Amino acid sequence: MQLRYLLTFLCPAMLAVSQGTNSTTGALGDARPVRNNPVIGETWVASFDLPAVLGTVTAVASTIGINYTVDVTGLAVDRGPYKYHIHIHPVPESGNCTDTGGHLDSYVRGDSPPCDSALPQTCQVGDLSGKYGTVAGPEGLKEFNDPYTATNKIQLGYIGGRSIVFHDASGGRIACAMLEKVEVSTS
């Protein structure tokens, strides 16, 4: 009798707690912060020189993850807000942004439900705008640290050989650029 009484109150409470957390975790769990970038300060840049997007997305290796600067112009105000993501493939010679594949999704989370910026570890690793906000246009400047991306090849969030893609409000891919490592001159 006492067990039934306890379960009568405990089960609804447990259900309420489980429904209160609306996070989606990937098949491989939540993203983990990267703490082993090989060269702090190593820089990668995606350069945009298109009518739809001009500017750069700069990624600099930090002690934890990567520091990003999104600095772009040319965005049509009536087509925003704009999302930007790391996509898994480089931009092909044809420049076709569709061929950059899907978002970097190292923990196999998927697109649905949308990323909850309050729980960035549960988002797709490459969903930068989902975690740190969209840009409206005609220009956008954002700076943030993403602890889940890496310049270390052994990490699930490795950015080498990948691209940055901008999407308009309809989801269309309006611009893409390859993330390229900036070589430092030693002379």
N, C-alpha and C. Protein backbone atom coordinates (compact mmCIF):
# COMPACT_ATOMS: atom_id res chain seq x y z
N MET A 1 0.81 -1.18 0.00
CA MET A 1 0.00 0.00 0.00
C MET A 1 0.86 1.26 0.00
N GLN A 2 1.92 1.28 0.81
CA GLN A 2 2.79 2.45 0.86
C GLN A 2 3.54 2.64 -0.47
N LEU A 3 3.93 1.54 -1.12
CA LEU A 3 4.61 1.62 -2.41
C LEU A 3 3.69 2.23 -3.46
N ARG A 4 2.45 1.81 -3.48
CA ARG A 4 1.49 2.36 -4.44
C ARG A 4 1.31 3.87 -4.20
N TYR A 5 1.24 4.28 -2.96
CA TYR A 5 1.10 5.69 -2.60
C TYR A 5 2.31 6.48 -3.08
N LEU A 6 3.51 5.94 -2.85
CA LEU A 6 4.74 6.59 -3.27
C LEU A 6 4.80 6.72 -4.79
N LEU A 7 4.46 5.65 -5.51
CA LEU A 7 4.49 5.69 -6.98
C LEU A 7 3.47 6.66 -7.55
N THR A 8 2.35 6.83 -6.87
CA THR A 8 1.32 7.76 -7.33
C THR A 8 1.88 9.18 -7.41
N PHE A 9 2.75 9.54 -6.52
CA PHE A 9 3.33 10.88 -6.51
C PHE A 9 4.65 10.96 -7.28
N LEU A 10 5.42 9.89 -7.24
CA LEU A 10 6.74 9.89 -7.86
C LEU A 10 6.68 9.82 -9.38
N CYS A 11 5.83 9.00 -9.95
CA CYS A 11 5.77 8.85 -11.41
C CYS A 11 5.41 10.15 -12.13
N PRO A 12 4.37 10.89 -11.72
CA PRO A 12 4.10 12.16 -12.40
C PRO A 12 5.25 13.16 -12.25
N ALA A 13 5.92 13.16 -11.11
CA ALA A 13 7.05 14.07 -10.91
C ALA A 13 8.20 13.73 -11.87
N MET A 14 8.48 12.45 -12.03
CA MET A 14 9.55 12.02 -12.94
C MET A 14 9.19 12.37 -14.38
N LEU A 15 7.94 12.20 -14.75
CA LEU A 15 7.49 12.53 -16.10
C LEU A 15 7.63 14.03 -16.35
N ALA A 16 7.28 14.85 -15.38
CA ALA A 16 7.38 16.31 -15.53
C ALA A 16 8.83 16.73 -15.70
N VAL A 17 9.74 16.12 -14.94
CA VAL A 17 11.15 16.45 -15.07
C VAL A 17 11.67 16.04 -16.43
N SER A 18 11.32 14.87 -16.92
CA SER A 18 11.83 14.42 -18.22
C SER A 18 11.26 15.25 -19.36
N GLN A 19 10.02 15.74 -19.23
CA GLN A 19 9.44 16.58 -20.27
C GLN A 19 9.98 17.99 -20.22
N GLY A 20 10.49 18.43 -19.06
CA GLY A 20 11.03 19.78 -18.91
C GLY A 20 12.34 19.98 -19.63
N THR A 21 13.08 18.92 -19.89
CA THR A 21 14.34 19.04 -20.62
C THR A 21 14.09 18.65 -22.06
N ASN A 22 14.13 19.61 -22.94
CA ASN A 22 13.81 19.39 -24.35
C ASN A 22 15.10 19.41 -25.17
N SER A 23 16.03 18.55 -24.84
CA SER A 23 17.27 18.51 -25.60
C SER A 23 17.36 17.20 -26.38
N THR A 24 18.00 17.31 -27.52
CA THR A 24 18.23 16.13 -28.34
C THR A 24 19.72 15.87 -28.34
N THR A 25 20.09 14.70 -27.95
CA THR A 25 21.49 14.31 -27.92
C THR A 25 21.76 13.40 -29.10
N GLY A 26 22.94 13.52 -29.67
CA GLY A 26 23.29 12.68 -30.80
C GLY A 26 23.44 11.22 -30.42
N ALA A 27 23.49 10.36 -31.43
CA ALA A 27 23.64 8.92 -31.20
C ALA A 27 24.94 8.61 -30.45
N LEU A 28 25.94 9.49 -30.59
CA LEU A 28 27.22 9.30 -29.89
C LEU A 28 27.31 10.17 -28.64
N GLY A 29 26.18 10.70 -28.18
CA GLY A 29 26.15 11.52 -26.97
C GLY A 29 26.29 13.00 -27.29
N ASP A 30 26.55 13.78 -26.25
CA ASP A 30 26.75 15.22 -26.41
C ASP A 30 28.18 15.49 -26.88
N ALA A 31 28.35 16.61 -27.58
CA ALA A 31 29.70 17.02 -27.99
C ALA A 31 30.54 17.32 -26.76
N ARG A 32 31.82 17.02 -26.85
CA ARG A 32 32.73 17.26 -25.75
C ARG A 32 33.71 18.36 -26.12
N PRO A 33 34.05 19.22 -25.16
CA PRO A 33 35.01 20.29 -25.44
C PRO A 33 36.37 19.74 -25.88
N VAL A 34 36.98 20.44 -26.82
CA VAL A 34 38.29 20.06 -27.35
C VAL A 34 39.37 20.80 -26.56
N ARG A 35 40.31 20.04 -26.02
CA ARG A 35 41.38 20.65 -25.22
C ARG A 35 42.76 20.27 -25.74
N ASN A 36 42.84 19.76 -26.96
CA ASN A 36 44.15 19.31 -27.46
C ASN A 36 44.45 19.79 -28.88
N ASN A 37 44.10 21.05 -29.18
CA ASN A 37 44.52 21.59 -30.47
C ASN A 37 46.04 21.64 -30.49
N PRO A 38 46.66 21.18 -31.57
CA PRO A 38 48.12 21.06 -31.58
C PRO A 38 48.87 22.38 -31.51
N VAL A 39 48.35 23.43 -32.15
CA VAL A 39 49.05 24.73 -32.16
C VAL A 39 48.03 25.81 -31.81
N ILE A 40 48.13 26.35 -30.61
CA ILE A 40 47.23 27.43 -30.21
C ILE A 40 47.56 28.63 -31.09
N GLY A 41 46.54 29.22 -31.67
CA GLY A 41 46.74 30.35 -32.58
C GLY A 41 46.72 29.95 -34.05
N GLU A 42 46.76 28.64 -34.33
CA GLU A 42 46.65 28.20 -35.73
C GLU A 42 45.36 28.77 -36.31
N THR A 43 45.46 29.31 -37.53
CA THR A 43 44.34 30.04 -38.11
C THR A 43 43.88 29.43 -39.42
N TRP A 44 42.56 29.34 -39.56
CA TRP A 44 41.91 28.88 -40.78
C TRP A 44 40.93 29.97 -41.21
N VAL A 45 40.82 30.21 -42.52
CA VAL A 45 39.94 31.27 -43.02
C VAL A 45 39.12 30.76 -44.19
N ALA A 46 37.83 31.10 -44.18
CA ALA A 46 36.95 30.90 -45.34
C ALA A 46 36.69 32.29 -45.90
N SER A 47 37.12 32.53 -47.14
CA SER A 47 36.99 33.85 -47.77
C SER A 47 35.86 33.84 -48.78
N PHE A 48 34.94 34.79 -48.64
CA PHE A 48 33.79 34.92 -49.52
C PHE A 48 33.97 36.14 -50.41
N ASP A 49 33.85 35.94 -51.72
CA ASP A 49 33.97 37.04 -52.67
C ASP A 49 32.88 36.88 -53.73
N LEU A 50 31.65 36.92 -53.26
CA LEU A 50 30.49 36.72 -54.13
C LEU A 50 29.53 37.89 -53.95
N PRO A 51 28.68 38.15 -54.91
CA PRO A 51 27.72 39.25 -54.73
C PRO A 51 26.84 39.06 -53.48
N ALA A 52 26.48 37.82 -53.15
CA ALA A 52 25.60 37.56 -52.00
C ALA A 52 26.32 37.70 -50.67
N VAL A 53 27.60 37.37 -50.62
CA VAL A 53 28.37 37.42 -49.37
C VAL A 53 29.81 37.82 -49.69
N LEU A 54 30.27 38.86 -49.01
CA LEU A 54 31.66 39.29 -49.08
C LEU A 54 32.22 39.27 -47.67
N GLY A 55 33.46 38.82 -47.51
CA GLY A 55 34.08 38.84 -46.20
C GLY A 55 34.69 37.51 -45.84
N THR A 56 34.83 37.29 -44.54
CA THR A 56 35.52 36.10 -44.07
C THR A 56 34.86 35.50 -42.83
N VAL A 57 35.13 34.22 -42.66
CA VAL A 57 34.90 33.54 -41.39
C VAL A 57 36.28 33.03 -40.99
N THR A 58 36.77 33.52 -39.86
CA THR A 58 38.10 33.17 -39.39
C THR A 58 37.98 32.28 -38.17
N ALA A 59 38.79 31.22 -38.14
CA ALA A 59 38.79 30.25 -37.05
C ALA A 59 40.21 30.16 -36.49
N VAL A 60 40.36 30.44 -35.19
CA VAL A 60 41.68 30.44 -34.56
C VAL A 60 41.68 29.45 -33.40
N ALA A 61 42.60 28.49 -33.44
CA ALA A 61 42.69 27.47 -32.39
C ALA A 61 42.95 28.12 -31.04
N SER A 62 42.20 27.64 -30.04
CA SER A 62 42.31 28.15 -28.68
C SER A 62 42.66 27.00 -27.75
N THR A 63 42.87 27.31 -26.48
CA THR A 63 43.16 26.24 -25.52
C THR A 63 41.95 25.32 -25.36
N ILE A 64 40.76 25.87 -25.57
CA ILE A 64 39.55 25.05 -25.61
C ILE A 64 38.81 25.43 -26.89
N GLY A 65 38.72 24.52 -27.82
CA GLY A 65 37.99 24.74 -29.06
C GLY A 65 38.60 25.78 -29.97
N ILE A 66 37.73 26.52 -30.66
CA ILE A 66 38.16 27.48 -31.67
C ILE A 66 37.43 28.80 -31.45
N ASN A 67 38.18 29.91 -31.60
CA ASN A 67 37.59 31.25 -31.58
C ASN A 67 37.24 31.62 -33.02
N TYR A 68 36.00 32.04 -33.23
CA TYR A 68 35.52 32.39 -34.57
C TYR A 68 35.22 33.88 -34.66
N THR A 69 35.49 34.43 -35.85
CA THR A 69 35.04 35.77 -36.20
C THR A 69 34.34 35.66 -37.54
N VAL A 70 33.05 36.00 -37.54
CA VAL A 70 32.26 36.05 -38.77
C VAL A 70 32.16 37.53 -39.11
N ASP A 71 32.71 37.93 -40.26
CA ASP A 71 32.73 39.34 -40.66
C ASP A 71 32.36 39.40 -42.14
N VAL A 72 31.08 39.61 -42.42
CA VAL A 72 30.59 39.56 -43.80
C VAL A 72 29.69 40.76 -44.11
N THR A 73 29.59 41.08 -45.40
CA THR A 73 28.70 42.12 -45.90
C THR A 73 28.02 41.59 -47.15
N GLY A 74 27.13 42.40 -47.71
CA GLY A 74 26.47 42.03 -48.96
C GLY A 74 25.21 41.21 -48.80
N LEU A 75 24.78 40.96 -47.58
CA LEU A 75 23.61 40.13 -47.33
C LEU A 75 22.33 40.94 -47.57
N ALA A 76 21.47 40.46 -48.44
CA ALA A 76 20.20 41.14 -48.71
C ALA A 76 19.32 41.07 -47.48
N VAL A 77 18.90 42.21 -46.98
CA VAL A 77 18.12 42.27 -45.75
C VAL A 77 16.82 41.47 -45.87
N ASP A 78 16.18 41.51 -47.04
CA ASP A 78 14.89 40.84 -47.21
C ASP A 78 15.00 39.32 -47.33
N ARG A 79 16.21 38.77 -47.36
CA ARG A 79 16.37 37.31 -47.48
C ARG A 79 16.88 36.68 -46.18
N GLY A 80 17.08 37.49 -45.14
CA GLY A 80 17.60 36.99 -43.88
C GLY A 80 16.49 36.62 -42.92
N PRO A 81 16.82 36.19 -41.73
CA PRO A 81 18.17 36.09 -41.21
C PRO A 81 18.94 34.93 -41.84
N TYR A 82 20.25 35.03 -41.77
CA TYR A 82 21.12 34.06 -42.42
C TYR A 82 21.74 33.11 -41.41
N LYS A 83 21.71 31.84 -41.76
CA LYS A 83 22.37 30.81 -40.96
C LYS A 83 23.71 30.51 -41.62
N TYR A 84 24.66 30.03 -40.84
CA TYR A 84 25.98 29.66 -41.36
C TYR A 84 26.44 28.42 -40.60
N HIS A 85 27.00 27.51 -41.37
CA HIS A 85 27.38 26.21 -40.80
C HIS A 85 28.72 25.75 -41.37
N ILE A 86 29.34 24.84 -40.65
CA ILE A 86 30.48 24.09 -41.20
C ILE A 86 29.87 22.88 -41.90
N HIS A 87 30.20 22.73 -43.18
CA HIS A 87 29.72 21.57 -43.94
C HIS A 87 30.87 20.58 -44.11
N ILE A 88 30.54 19.32 -44.32
CA ILE A 88 31.54 18.25 -44.24
C ILE A 88 32.52 18.18 -45.40
N HIS A 89 32.16 18.70 -46.56
CA HIS A 89 33.04 18.60 -47.72
C HIS A 89 33.57 19.98 -48.11
N PRO A 90 34.72 20.00 -48.78
CA PRO A 90 35.23 21.27 -49.31
C PRO A 90 34.36 21.73 -50.47
N VAL A 91 34.51 22.99 -50.84
CA VAL A 91 33.80 23.51 -52.00
C VAL A 91 34.48 22.93 -53.24
N PRO A 92 33.71 22.32 -54.14
CA PRO A 92 34.33 21.74 -55.35
C PRO A 92 34.77 22.85 -56.32
N GLU A 93 35.57 22.48 -57.30
CA GLU A 93 36.04 23.45 -58.29
C GLU A 93 34.89 24.15 -58.99
N SER A 94 33.77 23.47 -59.15
CA SER A 94 32.60 24.07 -59.81
C SER A 94 31.98 25.18 -58.97
N GLY A 95 32.28 25.23 -57.68
CA GLY A 95 31.70 26.22 -56.78
C GLY A 95 30.29 25.88 -56.33
N ASN A 96 29.80 24.69 -56.67
CA ASN A 96 28.44 24.28 -56.32
C ASN A 96 28.35 24.01 -54.82
N CYS A 97 27.62 24.86 -54.11
CA CYS A 97 27.50 24.72 -52.66
C CYS A 97 26.74 23.47 -52.23
N THR A 98 25.90 22.93 -53.09
CA THR A 98 25.18 21.69 -52.77
C THR A 98 26.16 20.54 -52.56
N ASP A 99 27.28 20.58 -53.27
CA ASP A 99 28.26 19.50 -53.18
C ASP A 99 29.12 19.56 -51.91
N THR A 100 28.85 20.52 -51.03
CA THR A 100 29.58 20.56 -49.76
C THR A 100 28.98 19.59 -48.74
N GLY A 101 27.92 18.90 -49.13
CA GLY A 101 27.30 17.91 -48.25
C GLY A 101 26.53 18.55 -47.11
N GLY A 102 26.30 17.78 -46.08
CA GLY A 102 25.52 18.25 -44.93
C GLY A 102 26.40 18.93 -43.90
N HIS A 103 25.76 19.31 -42.81
CA HIS A 103 26.48 19.95 -41.71
C HIS A 103 27.43 18.96 -41.05
N LEU A 104 28.50 19.48 -40.49
CA LEU A 104 29.40 18.66 -39.67
C LEU A 104 28.57 18.19 -38.47
N ASP A 105 28.30 16.91 -38.41
CA ASP A 105 27.42 16.33 -37.39
C ASP A 105 28.11 15.12 -36.77
N SER A 106 29.22 15.39 -36.12
CA SER A 106 30.11 14.34 -35.61
C SER A 106 29.47 13.39 -34.60
N TYR A 107 28.46 13.87 -33.90
CA TYR A 107 27.84 13.04 -32.87
C TYR A 107 26.49 12.46 -33.32
N VAL A 108 26.20 12.58 -34.62
CA VAL A 108 25.04 12.00 -35.28
C VAL A 108 23.74 12.45 -34.59
N ARG A 109 23.55 13.76 -34.56
CA ARG A 109 22.36 14.34 -33.93
C ARG A 109 21.21 14.53 -34.91
N GLY A 110 21.51 15.00 -36.12
CA GLY A 110 20.47 15.31 -37.08
C GLY A 110 19.98 16.75 -36.95
N ASP A 111 19.08 17.14 -37.84
CA ASP A 111 18.59 18.52 -37.91
C ASP A 111 17.36 18.80 -37.04
N SER A 112 16.66 17.77 -36.62
CA SER A 112 15.40 17.99 -35.96
C SER A 112 15.40 17.34 -34.58
N PRO A 113 14.94 18.07 -33.57
CA PRO A 113 14.46 19.43 -33.58
C PRO A 113 15.62 20.41 -33.74
N PRO A 114 15.31 21.68 -34.03
CA PRO A 114 16.39 22.67 -34.20
C PRO A 114 17.28 22.75 -32.96
N CYS A 115 18.47 23.22 -33.18
CA CYS A 115 19.46 23.41 -32.12
C CYS A 115 18.91 24.34 -31.04
N ASP A 116 19.17 24.01 -29.79
CA ASP A 116 18.81 24.86 -28.65
C ASP A 116 20.10 25.52 -28.18
N SER A 117 20.21 26.83 -28.42
CA SER A 117 21.45 27.54 -28.11
C SER A 117 21.79 27.52 -26.61
N ALA A 118 20.82 27.24 -25.77
CA ALA A 118 21.08 27.13 -24.34
C ALA A 118 21.81 25.83 -24.00
N LEU A 119 21.80 24.87 -24.93
CA LEU A 119 22.47 23.58 -24.75
C LEU A 119 23.35 23.28 -25.97
N PRO A 120 24.39 24.09 -26.22
CA PRO A 120 25.16 23.94 -27.45
C PRO A 120 25.83 22.58 -27.61
N GLN A 121 26.12 21.90 -26.53
CA GLN A 121 26.74 20.57 -26.60
C GLN A 121 25.81 19.55 -27.25
N THR A 122 24.50 19.85 -27.31
CA THR A 122 23.55 18.92 -27.91
C THR A 122 23.29 19.23 -29.39
N CYS A 123 23.85 20.31 -29.90
CA CYS A 123 23.63 20.71 -31.30
C CYS A 123 24.61 20.00 -32.22
N GLN A 124 24.33 20.04 -33.52
CA GLN A 124 25.32 19.55 -34.48
C GLN A 124 26.58 20.38 -34.30
N VAL A 125 27.73 19.75 -34.36
CA VAL A 125 28.99 20.47 -34.17
C VAL A 125 29.11 21.63 -35.16
N GLY A 126 28.71 21.43 -36.40
CA GLY A 126 28.85 22.46 -37.42
C GLY A 126 27.77 23.51 -37.45
N ASP A 127 26.75 23.42 -36.60
CA ASP A 127 25.66 24.39 -36.59
C ASP A 127 26.06 25.62 -35.78
N LEU A 128 26.95 26.42 -36.35
CA LEU A 128 27.46 27.59 -35.64
C LEU A 128 26.37 28.62 -35.37
N SER A 129 25.52 28.91 -36.36
CA SER A 129 24.48 29.92 -36.15
C SER A 129 23.41 29.42 -35.18
N GLY A 130 23.17 28.14 -35.14
CA GLY A 130 22.21 27.60 -34.17
C GLY A 130 22.70 27.79 -32.75
N LYS A 131 24.01 27.66 -32.55
CA LYS A 131 24.59 27.81 -31.22
C LYS A 131 24.84 29.27 -30.85
N TYR A 132 25.22 30.12 -31.84
CA TYR A 132 25.70 31.47 -31.52
C TYR A 132 24.95 32.59 -32.21
N GLY A 133 23.89 32.29 -32.93
CA GLY A 133 23.04 33.31 -33.50
C GLY A 133 23.27 33.56 -34.99
N THR A 134 22.18 33.91 -35.67
CA THR A 134 22.20 34.20 -37.10
C THR A 134 22.71 35.62 -37.33
N VAL A 135 22.90 35.97 -38.61
CA VAL A 135 23.21 37.36 -38.98
C VAL A 135 22.06 37.84 -39.86
N ALA A 136 21.71 39.13 -39.71
CA ALA A 136 20.53 39.66 -40.37
C ALA A 136 20.82 40.28 -41.73
N GLY A 137 21.92 40.94 -41.89
CA GLY A 137 22.22 41.66 -43.11
C GLY A 137 21.91 43.13 -42.92
N PRO A 138 22.42 44.03 -43.69
CA PRO A 138 23.26 43.75 -44.86
C PRO A 138 24.68 43.32 -44.50
N GLU A 139 25.00 43.43 -43.21
CA GLU A 139 26.32 42.97 -42.78
C GLU A 139 26.17 42.20 -41.48
N GLY A 140 27.18 41.44 -41.18
CA GLY A 140 27.16 40.68 -39.94
C GLY A 140 28.54 40.58 -39.34
N LEU A 141 28.63 40.81 -38.06
CA LEU A 141 29.89 40.65 -37.33
C LEU A 141 29.57 39.91 -36.04
N LYS A 142 30.18 38.75 -35.89
CA LYS A 142 29.99 37.93 -34.69
C LYS A 142 31.35 37.38 -34.27
N GLU A 143 31.57 37.33 -32.97
CA GLU A 143 32.77 36.70 -32.42
C GLU A 143 32.32 35.77 -31.30
N PHE A 144 32.84 34.56 -31.30
CA PHE A 144 32.46 33.59 -30.28
C PHE A 144 33.50 32.48 -30.22
N ASN A 145 33.49 31.77 -29.12
CA ASN A 145 34.32 30.57 -28.96
C ASN A 145 33.40 29.37 -29.05
N ASP A 146 33.76 28.43 -29.93
CA ASP A 146 33.03 27.17 -29.99
C ASP A 146 33.94 26.09 -29.42
N PRO A 147 33.64 25.56 -28.24
CA PRO A 147 34.51 24.57 -27.62
C PRO A 147 34.49 23.20 -28.28
N TYR A 148 33.58 22.98 -29.27
CA TYR A 148 33.38 21.64 -29.82
C TYR A 148 34.03 21.42 -31.18
N THR A 149 34.66 22.46 -31.73
CA THR A 149 35.37 22.30 -33.01
C THR A 149 36.87 22.30 -32.74
N ALA A 150 37.64 21.77 -33.71
CA ALA A 150 39.05 21.51 -33.45
C ALA A 150 39.92 21.70 -34.69
N THR A 151 41.20 21.95 -34.43
CA THR A 151 42.21 21.91 -35.48
C THR A 151 43.06 20.65 -35.35
N ASN A 152 42.68 19.79 -34.44
CA ASN A 152 43.37 18.52 -34.24
C ASN A 152 42.66 17.44 -35.06
N LYS A 153 43.38 16.81 -35.97
CA LYS A 153 42.80 15.83 -36.89
C LYS A 153 42.11 14.65 -36.20
N ILE A 154 42.51 14.33 -35.00
CA ILE A 154 41.92 13.16 -34.33
C ILE A 154 40.59 13.48 -33.64
N GLN A 155 40.19 14.74 -33.63
CA GLN A 155 38.95 15.14 -32.96
C GLN A 155 37.75 15.02 -33.89
N LEU A 156 36.60 14.71 -33.34
CA LEU A 156 35.37 14.60 -34.13
C LEU A 156 34.96 15.93 -34.74
N GLY A 157 35.36 17.05 -34.15
CA GLY A 157 34.98 18.37 -34.65
C GLY A 157 36.04 19.02 -35.52
N TYR A 158 36.91 18.22 -36.14
CA TYR A 158 38.01 18.75 -36.97
C TYR A 158 37.46 19.55 -38.16
N ILE A 159 37.99 20.77 -38.37
CA ILE A 159 37.48 21.65 -39.43
C ILE A 159 38.26 21.57 -40.73
N GLY A 160 39.41 20.91 -40.75
CA GLY A 160 40.22 20.83 -41.97
C GLY A 160 39.50 20.12 -43.09
N GLY A 161 39.64 20.64 -44.33
CA GLY A 161 39.00 20.02 -45.49
C GLY A 161 37.50 20.24 -45.54
N ARG A 162 37.01 21.20 -44.78
CA ARG A 162 35.57 21.47 -44.73
C ARG A 162 35.28 22.87 -45.26
N SER A 163 34.01 23.22 -45.30
CA SER A 163 33.61 24.52 -45.84
C SER A 163 32.64 25.21 -44.90
N ILE A 164 32.49 26.52 -45.11
CA ILE A 164 31.48 27.31 -44.43
C ILE A 164 30.42 27.63 -45.47
N VAL A 165 29.15 27.42 -45.12
CA VAL A 165 28.05 27.69 -46.03
C VAL A 165 27.08 28.65 -45.35
N PHE A 166 26.66 29.68 -46.11
CA PHE A 166 25.62 30.60 -45.66
C PHE A 166 24.30 30.19 -46.31
N HIS A 167 23.24 30.21 -45.51
CA HIS A 167 21.89 29.87 -45.97
C HIS A 167 20.99 31.09 -45.75
N ASP A 168 20.10 31.37 -46.70
CA ASP A 168 19.12 32.44 -46.49
C ASP A 168 17.95 31.90 -45.66
N ALA A 169 16.94 32.74 -45.42
CA ALA A 169 15.82 32.36 -44.56
C ALA A 169 15.05 31.15 -45.09
N SER A 170 15.09 30.92 -46.40
CA SER A 170 14.40 29.76 -46.97
C SER A 170 15.20 28.47 -46.80
N GLY A 171 16.44 28.59 -46.36
CA GLY A 171 17.32 27.42 -46.23
C GLY A 171 18.22 27.23 -47.43
N GLY A 172 18.02 28.04 -48.48
CA GLY A 172 18.85 27.94 -49.68
C GLY A 172 20.30 28.28 -49.40
N ARG A 173 21.20 27.57 -50.05
CA ARG A 173 22.63 27.82 -49.90
C ARG A 173 23.01 28.96 -50.83
N ILE A 174 23.35 30.11 -50.25
CA ILE A 174 23.62 31.28 -51.08
C ILE A 174 25.11 31.53 -51.31
N ALA A 175 25.96 30.96 -50.46
CA ALA A 175 27.41 31.16 -50.61
C ALA A 175 28.15 30.10 -49.82
N CYS A 176 29.30 29.70 -50.34
CA CYS A 176 30.14 28.73 -49.64
C CYS A 176 31.60 29.05 -49.90
N ALA A 177 32.44 28.72 -48.94
CA ALA A 177 33.88 28.94 -49.08
C ALA A 177 34.62 27.87 -48.28
N MET A 178 35.75 27.47 -48.81
CA MET A 178 36.60 26.46 -48.19
C MET A 178 37.34 27.05 -46.99
N LEU A 179 37.37 26.31 -45.89
CA LEU A 179 38.23 26.68 -44.76
C LEU A 179 39.67 26.30 -45.14
N GLU A 180 40.53 27.29 -45.21
CA GLU A 180 41.91 27.05 -45.60
C GLU A 180 42.86 27.51 -44.49
N LYS A 181 43.85 26.67 -44.21
CA LYS A 181 44.82 26.98 -43.18
C LYS A 181 45.71 28.12 -43.65
N VAL A 182 45.91 29.10 -42.77
CA VAL A 182 46.78 30.22 -43.07
C VAL A 182 48.20 29.81 -42.70
N GLU A 183 49.05 29.79 -43.70
CA GLU A 183 50.44 29.42 -43.45
C GLU A 183 51.22 30.63 -42.94
N VAL A 184 51.93 30.44 -41.85
CA VAL A 184 52.69 31.53 -41.25
C VAL A 184 54.08 31.56 -41.85
N SER A 185 54.49 32.72 -42.29
CA SER A 185 55.84 32.89 -42.86
C SER A 185 56.86 32.93 -41.73
N THR A 186 57.95 32.20 -41.89
CA THR A 186 58.99 32.16 -40.87
C THR A 186 60.16 33.07 -41.20
N SER A 187 60.05 33.85 -42.26
CA SER A 187 61.17 34.74 -42.62
C SER A 187 61.03 36.09 -42.03
